Amino acid sequence: MFRIVDYQATEPVRKVNQNNPITIAHSPKKTVLADISITIPRMDANRNHVELNATVGLRGVSGTSQILFKIFRDGKEIFRAQEGVEADPTSEINYIVTFQSIDKNVRTGSHVYRVTAENIINGTEAAVVGPISFSGLAIAKDY
């Protein structure tokens, strides 16, 4: 059997808003999108997993950007994914990117998970236009 240990979610941007875009920083700088805190009780340490889900709405501003998404636990990178974003008005310029990561056997205590984005292509621009959501579900195995 499995049981839910903790669940946290945040939605810093609820809907698409192209009037207030958040420019995505170029590497090595990062744009912080969202943070959550997940707590693992002592009895569930090292026999659990945390399912992390993120959704981010993007818009291409100029050129074809490559956006590198990262998830960190307590400042240490645990996941990365990449998405191309075009700014061609005759094609697609708005994107919704969703990704999932699973962090296994997390130690006891409270852990801060952070999702970031960075543009790894110089000379291009992309922005977050929403929505942004980030959630974490900690599940432990009963013995």
C-alpha atoms as a PDB file:
ATOM      1  CA  MET A   1       0.000   0.000   0.000  1.00  0.00           C
ATOM      2  CA  PHE A   2       0.982   3.593  -0.548  1.00  0.00           C
ATOM      3  CA  ARG A   3      -0.145   6.740   1.234  1.00  0.00           C
ATOM      4  CA  ILE A   4       0.102  10.464   0.637  1.00  0.00           C
ATOM      5  CA  VAL A   5       2.690  12.081   2.902  1.00  0.00           C
ATOM      6  CA  ASP A   6       2.468  15.687   1.672  1.00  0.00           C
ATOM      7  CA  TYR A   7       1.036  17.682  -1.209  1.00  0.00           C
ATOM      8  CA  GLN A   8       1.845  21.276  -2.140  1.00  0.00           C
ATOM      9  CA  ALA A   9       0.918  23.345  -5.163  1.00  0.00           C
ATOM     10  CA  THR A  10       1.325  26.893  -6.338  1.00  0.00           C
ATOM     11  CA  GLU A  11      -0.041  28.845  -9.256  1.00  0.00           C
ATOM     12  CA  PRO A  12       1.821  32.174  -9.359  1.00  0.00           C
ATOM     13  CA  VAL A  13       0.258  33.060 -12.732  1.00  0.00           C
ATOM     14  CA  ARG A  14      -3.275  31.776 -13.265  1.00  0.00           C
ATOM     15  CA  LYS A  15      -3.894  32.659 -16.921  1.00  0.00           C
ATOM     16  CA  VAL A  16      -2.268  33.919 -20.095  1.00  0.00           C
ATOM     17  CA  ASN A  17      -1.406  37.609 -19.826  1.00  0.00           C
ATOM     18  CA  GLN A  18       0.605  38.881 -22.765  1.00  0.00           C
ATOM     19  CA  ASN A  19       0.500  42.441 -21.384  1.00  0.00           C
ATOM     20  CA  ASN A  20       2.879  41.528 -18.521  1.00  0.00           C
ATOM     21  CA  PRO A  21       5.444  39.086 -19.974  1.00  0.00           C
ATOM     22  CA  ILE A  22       8.329  37.857 -17.823  1.00  0.00           C
ATOM     23  CA  THR A  23      11.484  37.858 -19.948  1.00  0.00           C
ATOM     24  CA  ILE A  24      13.419  34.601 -19.602  1.00  0.00           C
ATOM     25  CA  ALA A  25      17.032  35.263 -18.590  1.00  0.00           C
ATOM     26  CA  HIS A  26      19.902  33.997 -20.731  1.00  0.00           C
ATOM     27  CA  SER A  27      22.187  31.300 -19.325  1.00  0.00           C
ATOM     28  CA  PRO A  28      23.874  31.125 -16.925  1.00  0.00           C
ATOM     29  CA  LYS A  29      21.251  33.329 -15.239  1.00  0.00           C
ATOM     30  CA  LYS A  30      17.923  31.717 -14.391  1.00  0.00           C
ATOM     31  CA  THR A  31      14.367  32.990 -14.101  1.00  0.00           C
ATOM     32  CA  VAL A  32      12.683  31.521 -11.026  1.00  0.00           C
ATOM     33  CA  LEU A  33       9.165  30.409 -11.907  1.00  0.00           C
ATOM     34  CA  ALA A  34       7.867  28.827  -8.677  1.00  0.00           C
ATOM     35  CA  ASP A  35       8.812  27.284  -5.317  1.00  0.00           C
ATOM     36  CA  ILE A  36       7.078  24.716  -3.117  1.00  0.00           C
ATOM     37  CA  SER A  37       8.066  23.034   0.143  1.00  0.00           C
ATOM     38  CA  ILE A  38       7.499  19.315   0.725  1.00  0.00           C
ATOM     39  CA  THR A  39       7.961  17.711   4.162  1.00  0.00           C
ATOM     40  CA  ILE A  40       8.993  14.089   4.595  1.00  0.00           C
ATOM     41  CA  PRO A  41       8.354  12.632   8.087  1.00  0.00           C
ATOM     42  CA  ARG A  42      11.136  10.592   9.727  1.00  0.00           C
ATOM     43  CA  MET A  43       9.155   7.340   9.414  1.00  0.00           C
ATOM     44  CA  ASP A  44       8.965   7.801   5.624  1.00  0.00           C
ATOM     45  CA  ALA A  45      12.580   8.772   4.931  1.00  0.00           C
ATOM     46  CA  ASN A  46      14.253   6.879   2.092  1.00  0.00           C
ATOM     47  CA  ARG A  47      11.126   4.898   1.163  1.00  0.00           C
ATOM     48  CA  ASN A  48       9.192   7.513  -0.741  1.00  0.00           C
ATOM     49  CA  HIS A  49       8.974   9.417  -3.941  1.00  0.00           C
ATOM     50  CA  VAL A  50       7.930  12.963  -4.763  1.00  0.00           C
ATOM     51  CA  GLU A  51       6.099  13.497  -8.042  1.00  0.00           C
ATOM     52  CA  LEU A  52       6.726  17.008  -9.369  1.00  0.00           C
ATOM     53  CA  ASN A  53       4.611  18.585 -12.127  1.00  0.00           C
ATOM     54  CA  ALA A  54       5.113  21.956 -13.802  1.00  0.00           C
ATOM     55  CA  THR A  55       3.221  23.816 -16.519  1.00  0.00           C
ATOM     56  CA  VAL A  56       4.516  27.045 -18.061  1.00  0.00           C
ATOM     57  CA  GLY A  57       3.009  29.248 -20.771  1.00  0.00           C
ATOM     58  CA  LEU A  58       5.660  30.751 -23.092  1.00  0.00           C
ATOM     59  CA  ARG A  59       5.811  33.165 -26.000  1.00  0.00           C
ATOM     60  CA  GLY A  60       8.542  33.533 -28.605  1.00  0.00           C
ATOM     61  CA  VAL A  61       9.680  37.174 -28.849  1.00  0.00           C
ATOM     62  CA  SER A  62      12.563  37.002 -31.356  1.00  0.00           C
ATOM     63  CA  GLY A  63      14.337  34.194 -33.153  1.00  0.00           C
ATOM     64  CA  THR A  64      14.093  30.567 -32.057  1.00  0.00           C
ATOM     65  CA  SER A  65      14.919  30.236 -28.379  1.00  0.00           C
ATOM     66  CA  GLN A  66      15.827  27.047 -26.564  1.00  0.00           C
ATOM     67  CA  ILE A  67      14.426  27.191 -23.040  1.00  0.00           C
ATOM     68  CA  LEU A  68      16.112  25.010 -20.437  1.00  0.00           C
ATOM     69  CA  PHE A  69      13.867  24.154 -17.498  1.00  0.00           C
ATOM     70  CA  LYS A  70      15.415  22.896 -14.272  1.00  0.00           C
ATOM     71  CA  ILE A  71      14.030  21.603 -10.995  1.00  0.00           C
ATOM     72  CA  PHE A  72      16.119  21.939  -7.849  1.00  0.00           C
ATOM     73  CA  ARG A  73      15.727  20.296  -4.437  1.00  0.00           C
ATOM     74  CA  ASP A  74      17.326  22.376  -1.688  1.00  0.00           C
ATOM     75  CA  GLY A  75      19.488  24.153  -4.287  1.00  0.00           C
ATOM     76  CA  LYS A  76      20.719  20.967  -6.021  1.00  0.00           C
ATOM     77  CA  GLU A  77      19.605  20.322  -9.593  1.00  0.00           C
ATOM     78  CA  ILE A  78      17.606  17.085  -9.887  1.00  0.00           C
ATOM     79  CA  PHE A  79      15.917  17.458 -13.305  1.00  0.00           C
ATOM     80  CA  ARG A  80      16.211  19.304 -16.621  1.00  0.00           C
ATOM     81  CA  ALA A  81      14.188  19.497 -19.829  1.00  0.00           C
ATOM     82  CA  GLN A  82      14.443  21.672 -22.931  1.00  0.00           C
ATOM     83  CA  GLU A  83      11.877  23.211 -25.285  1.00  0.00           C
ATOM     84  CA  GLY A  84      12.269  25.186 -28.506  1.00  0.00           C
ATOM     85  CA  VAL A  85      10.195  28.381 -28.808  1.00  0.00           C
ATOM     86  CA  GLU A  86       9.747  30.210 -32.128  1.00  0.00           C
ATOM     87  CA  ALA A  87       8.830  33.865 -32.639  1.00  0.00           C
ATOM     88  CA  ASP A  88       7.536  33.561 -36.219  1.00  0.00           C
ATOM     89  CA  PRO A  89       4.115  35.293 -36.280  1.00  0.00           C
ATOM     90  CA  THR A  90       3.065  33.145 -39.268  1.00  0.00           C
ATOM     91  CA  SER A  91       3.649  30.047 -37.161  1.00  0.00           C
ATOM     92  CA  GLU A  92       3.325  29.263 -33.475  1.00  0.00           C
ATOM     93  CA  ILE A  93       4.441  31.885 -30.954  1.00  0.00           C
ATOM     94  CA  ASN A  94       2.518  30.768 -27.861  1.00  0.00           C
ATOM     95  CA  TYR A  95       3.386  27.505 -26.127  1.00  0.00           C
ATOM     96  CA  ILE A  96       2.292  25.516 -23.090  1.00  0.00           C
ATOM     97  CA  VAL A  97       5.070  23.308 -21.735  1.00  0.00           C
ATOM     98  CA  THR A  98       4.287  20.609 -19.156  1.00  0.00           C
ATOM     99  CA  PHE A  99       6.839  18.276 -17.608  1.00  0.00           C
ATOM    100  CA  GLN A 100       7.070  15.822 -14.738  1.00  0.00           C
ATOM    101  CA  SER A 101       9.911  14.588 -12.560  1.00  0.00           C
ATOM    102  CA  ILE A 102      10.091  11.951  -9.826  1.00  0.00           C
ATOM    103  CA  ASP A 103      12.471  12.446  -6.898  1.00  0.00           C
ATOM    104  CA  LYS A 104      13.018   9.100  -5.143  1.00  0.00           C
ATOM    105  CA  ASN A 105      14.015   8.238  -1.579  1.00  0.00           C
ATOM    106  CA  VAL A 106      14.047  11.780  -0.240  1.00  0.00           C
ATOM    107  CA  ARG A 107      15.529  12.153   3.241  1.00  0.00           C
ATOM    108  CA  THR A 108      13.504  13.310   6.233  1.00  0.00           C
ATOM    109  CA  GLY A 109      12.739  17.001   6.716  1.00  0.00           C
ATOM    110  CA  SER A 110      11.333  19.938   4.796  1.00  0.00           C
ATOM    111  CA  HIS A 111      12.642  20.389   1.246  1.00  0.00           C
ATOM    112  CA  VAL A 112      12.306  23.376  -1.067  1.00  0.00           C
ATOM    113  CA  TYR A 113      11.670  22.511  -4.711  1.00  0.00           C
ATOM    114  CA  ARG A 114      12.228  25.265  -7.274  1.00  0.00           C
ATOM    115  CA  VAL A 115      11.507  25.325 -10.997  1.00  0.00           C
ATOM    116  CA  THR A 116      13.500  27.717 -13.208  1.00  0.00           C
ATOM    117  CA  ALA A 117      13.834  28.613 -16.888  1.00  0.00           C
ATOM    118  CA  GLU A 118      16.775  29.970 -18.869  1.00  0.00           C
ATOM    119  CA  ASN A 119      17.273  30.780 -22.539  1.00  0.00           C
ATOM    120  CA  ILE A 120      20.403  29.019 -23.808  1.00  0.00           C
ATOM    121  CA  ILE A 121      20.491  30.692 -27.266  1.00  0.00           C
ATOM    122  CA  ASN A 122      22.071  34.158 -27.425  1.00  0.00           C
ATOM    123  CA  GLY A 123      20.432  36.681 -29.743  1.00  0.00           C
ATOM    124  CA  THR A 124      16.928  35.299 -29.177  1.00  0.00           C
ATOM    125  CA  GLU A 125      14.198  36.294 -26.742  1.00  0.00           C
ATOM    126  CA  ALA A 126      11.353  34.412 -25.112  1.00  0.00           C
ATOM    127  CA  ALA A 127       9.008  35.266 -22.269  1.00  0.00           C
ATOM    128  CA  VAL A 128       6.718  33.606 -19.778  1.00  0.00           C
ATOM    129  CA  VAL A 129       3.149  34.802 -20.398  1.00  0.00           C
ATOM    130  CA  GLY A 130       1.368  32.302 -18.153  1.00  0.00           C
ATOM    131  CA  PRO A 131      -0.023  30.261 -16.782  1.00  0.00           C
ATOM    132  CA  ILE A 132       2.546  28.907 -14.318  1.00  0.00           C
ATOM    133  CA  SER A 133       1.721  26.004 -12.012  1.00  0.00           C
ATOM    134  CA  PHE A 134       3.996  23.786  -9.924  1.00  0.00           C
ATOM    135  CA  SER A 135       2.957  20.930  -7.662  1.00  0.00           C
ATOM    136  CA  GLY A 136       4.537  18.169  -5.630  1.00  0.00           C
ATOM    137  CA  LEU A 137       2.979  14.979  -4.264  1.00  0.00           C
ATOM    138  CA  ALA A 138       4.991  12.945  -1.727  1.00  0.00           C
ATOM    139  CA  ILE A 139       4.008   9.282  -1.491  1.00  0.00           C
ATOM    140  CA  ALA A 140       5.411   6.702   0.938  1.00  0.00           C
ATOM    141  CA  LYS A 141       5.248   2.944   0.869  1.00  0.00           C
ATOM    142  CA  ASP A 142       3.708   1.225   3.883  1.00  0.00           C
ATOM    143  CA  TYR A 143       5.439  -1.864   5.223  1.00  0.00           C
END
